[in-house]
Amino acid sequence: MSIDYQETGKFIGFLVFLAWMFWITHRAGQIIFNPVLIAMGWRLYTISYHFAGSQKVFKTSALSNGHLVPGLHKQYPLQEILIIKPEDSA
């Protein structure tokens, strides 16, 4: 990609692209994340959890369409990431 600083349109387009990438990175809290999910309000968390009746603690990544608070949540495993539905959006 070449940018000629004399062509104002291309330079402004490049600045808009950089601003968009910064917004995606800032919103996600990480660099690699699907921009469509970010725009739709999904968040990626690193969580620690345990199953009822078990003392073993697991750590994994989880996607949630909303903010997570400690407590009981419905979760759906998808490969190595859990999809968690917060109680407030039920």
C-alpha atoms as a PDB file:
ATOM      1  CA  MET A   1       0.000   0.000   0.000  1.00  0.00           C
ATOM      2  CA  SER A   2       1.460   3.311  -0.967  1.00  0.00           C
ATOM      3  CA  ILE A   3       0.399   6.667   0.390  1.00  0.00           C
ATOM      4  CA  ASP A   4       1.094   9.914  -1.333  1.00  0.00           C
ATOM      5  CA  TYR A   5       0.746  12.711   1.182  1.00  0.00           C
ATOM      6  CA  GLN A   6      -0.224  15.075  -1.645  1.00  0.00           C
ATOM      7  CA  GLU A   7      -3.455  13.106  -2.265  1.00  0.00           C
ATOM      8  CA  THR A   8      -5.659  14.243   0.580  1.00  0.00           C
ATOM      9  CA  GLY A   9      -8.395  11.642  -0.029  1.00  0.00           C
ATOM     10  CA  LYS A  10      -6.044   8.669   0.288  1.00  0.00           C
ATOM     11  CA  PHE A  11      -4.364  10.149   3.365  1.00  0.00           C
ATOM     12  CA  ILE A  12      -7.710  10.762   5.110  1.00  0.00           C
ATOM     13  CA  GLY A  13      -8.813   7.236   4.166  1.00  0.00           C
ATOM     14  CA  PHE A  14      -5.641   5.846   5.719  1.00  0.00           C
ATOM     15  CA  LEU A  15      -6.246   7.835   8.920  1.00  0.00           C
ATOM     16  CA  VAL A  16      -9.835   6.557   9.080  1.00  0.00           C
ATOM     17  CA  PHE A  17      -8.537   3.000   8.669  1.00  0.00           C
ATOM     18  CA  LEU A  18      -6.026   3.463  11.490  1.00  0.00           C
ATOM     19  CA  ALA A  19      -8.684   5.002  13.739  1.00  0.00           C
ATOM     20  CA  TRP A  20     -11.024   2.088  12.999  1.00  0.00           C
ATOM     21  CA  MET A  21      -8.305  -0.451  13.873  1.00  0.00           C
ATOM     22  CA  PHE A  22      -7.507   1.404  17.104  1.00  0.00           C
ATOM     23  CA  TRP A  23     -11.208   1.428  18.060  1.00  0.00           C
ATOM     24  CA  ILE A  24     -11.491  -2.317  17.440  1.00  0.00           C
ATOM     25  CA  THR A  25      -8.366  -3.060  19.467  1.00  0.00           C
ATOM     26  CA  HIS A  26      -9.405  -0.760  22.307  1.00  0.00           C
ATOM     27  CA  ARG A  27     -12.949  -2.145  22.456  1.00  0.00           C
ATOM     28  CA  ALA A  28     -11.824  -5.784  22.438  1.00  0.00           C
ATOM     29  CA  GLY A  29      -8.983  -5.414  24.880  1.00  0.00           C
ATOM     30  CA  GLN A  30      -6.864  -7.536  22.580  1.00  0.00           C
ATOM     31  CA  ILE A  31      -5.455  -7.302  19.115  1.00  0.00           C
ATOM     32  CA  ILE A  32      -6.844 -10.458  17.499  1.00  0.00           C
ATOM     33  CA  PHE A  33     -10.635 -10.575  17.633  1.00  0.00           C
ATOM     34  CA  ASN A  34     -13.398 -10.608  15.055  1.00  0.00           C
ATOM     35  CA  PRO A  35     -14.428  -6.976  14.408  1.00  0.00           C
ATOM     36  CA  VAL A  36     -18.030  -7.969  13.670  1.00  0.00           C
ATOM     37  CA  LEU A  37     -18.381  -9.519  17.143  1.00  0.00           C
ATOM     38  CA  ILE A  38     -16.933  -6.390  18.728  1.00  0.00           C
ATOM     39  CA  ALA A  39     -19.375  -4.165  16.873  1.00  0.00           C
ATOM     40  CA  MET A  40     -22.250  -6.391  18.040  1.00  0.00           C
ATOM     41  CA  GLY A  41     -21.247  -5.987  21.698  1.00  0.00           C
ATOM     42  CA  TRP A  42     -19.551  -9.331  22.349  1.00  0.00           C
ATOM     43  CA  ARG A  43     -16.638  -9.434  24.796  1.00  0.00           C
ATOM     44  CA  LEU A  44     -13.859 -11.962  25.288  1.00  0.00           C
ATOM     45  CA  TYR A  45     -13.014 -12.896  28.881  1.00  0.00           C
ATOM     46  CA  THR A  46     -10.436 -15.140  30.520  1.00  0.00           C
ATOM     47  CA  ILE A  47     -12.321 -16.879  33.304  1.00  0.00           C
ATOM     48  CA  SER A  48     -11.768 -19.324  36.151  1.00  0.00           C
ATOM     49  CA  TYR A  49     -14.683 -21.612  36.995  1.00  0.00           C
ATOM     50  CA  HIS A  50     -15.639 -24.866  38.620  1.00  0.00           C
ATOM     51  CA  PHE A  51     -18.580 -27.207  38.284  1.00  0.00           C
ATOM     52  CA  ALA A  52     -21.104 -27.683  41.083  1.00  0.00           C
ATOM     53  CA  GLY A  53     -19.870 -30.325  43.530  1.00  0.00           C
ATOM     54  CA  SER A  54     -16.275 -30.133  42.273  1.00  0.00           C
ATOM     55  CA  GLN A  55     -13.314 -28.275  43.754  1.00  0.00           C
ATOM     56  CA  LYS A  56     -11.208 -28.470  40.571  1.00  0.00           C
ATOM     57  CA  VAL A  57     -10.765 -24.995  39.028  1.00  0.00           C
ATOM     58  CA  PHE A  58     -10.606 -24.607  35.244  1.00  0.00           C
ATOM     59  CA  LYS A  59      -9.319 -21.619  33.262  1.00  0.00           C
ATOM     60  CA  THR A  60     -10.476 -20.813  29.743  1.00  0.00           C
ATOM     61  CA  SER A  61     -11.570 -18.064  27.373  1.00  0.00           C
ATOM     62  CA  ALA A  62     -15.247 -17.165  27.167  1.00  0.00           C
ATOM     63  CA  LEU A  63     -17.339 -15.066  24.804  1.00  0.00           C
ATOM     64  CA  SER A  64     -20.279 -13.182  26.251  1.00  0.00           C
ATOM     65  CA  ASN A  65     -22.791 -10.779  24.772  1.00  0.00           C
ATOM     66  CA  GLY A  66     -22.747  -8.522  27.820  1.00  0.00           C
ATOM     67  CA  HIS A  67     -20.847  -8.050  31.048  1.00  0.00           C
ATOM     68  CA  LEU A  68     -20.124 -11.070  33.206  1.00  0.00           C
ATOM     69  CA  VAL A  69     -20.402 -11.016  36.968  1.00  0.00           C
ATOM     70  CA  PRO A  70     -19.483 -13.903  39.285  1.00  0.00           C
ATOM     71  CA  GLY A  71     -22.334 -16.342  39.670  1.00  0.00           C
ATOM     72  CA  LEU A  72     -24.163 -19.086  37.826  1.00  0.00           C
ATOM     73  CA  HIS A  73     -24.424 -18.755  34.061  1.00  0.00           C
ATOM     74  CA  LYS A  74     -25.548 -20.928  31.191  1.00  0.00           C
ATOM     75  CA  GLN A  75     -22.546 -21.936  29.117  1.00  0.00           C
ATOM     76  CA  TYR A  76     -22.162 -23.633  25.773  1.00  0.00           C
ATOM     77  CA  PRO A  77     -18.768 -25.108  24.845  1.00  0.00           C
ATOM     78  CA  LEU A  78     -17.498 -24.338  21.346  1.00  0.00           C
ATOM     79  CA  GLN A  79     -14.072 -25.852  20.709  1.00  0.00           C
ATOM     80  CA  GLU A  80     -11.776 -24.213  23.300  1.00  0.00           C
ATOM     81  CA  ILE A  81     -14.007 -21.203  24.035  1.00  0.00           C
ATOM     82  CA  LEU A  82     -17.155 -21.100  26.153  1.00  0.00           C
ATOM     83  CA  ILE A  83     -20.153 -19.088  25.000  1.00  0.00           C
ATOM     84  CA  ILE A  84     -21.785 -17.665  28.120  1.00  0.00           C
ATOM     85  CA  LYS A  85     -25.234 -16.120  28.347  1.00  0.00           C
ATOM     86  CA  PRO A  86     -25.395 -13.560  31.167  1.00  0.00           C
ATOM     87  CA  GLU A  87     -28.480 -13.771  33.379  1.00  0.00           C
ATOM     88  CA  ASP A  88     -29.461 -10.136  32.721  1.00  0.00           C
ATOM     89  CA  SER A  89     -30.008 -10.840  29.012  1.00  0.00           C
ATOM     90  CA  ALA A  90     -32.134 -13.963  29.570  1.00  0.00           C
END
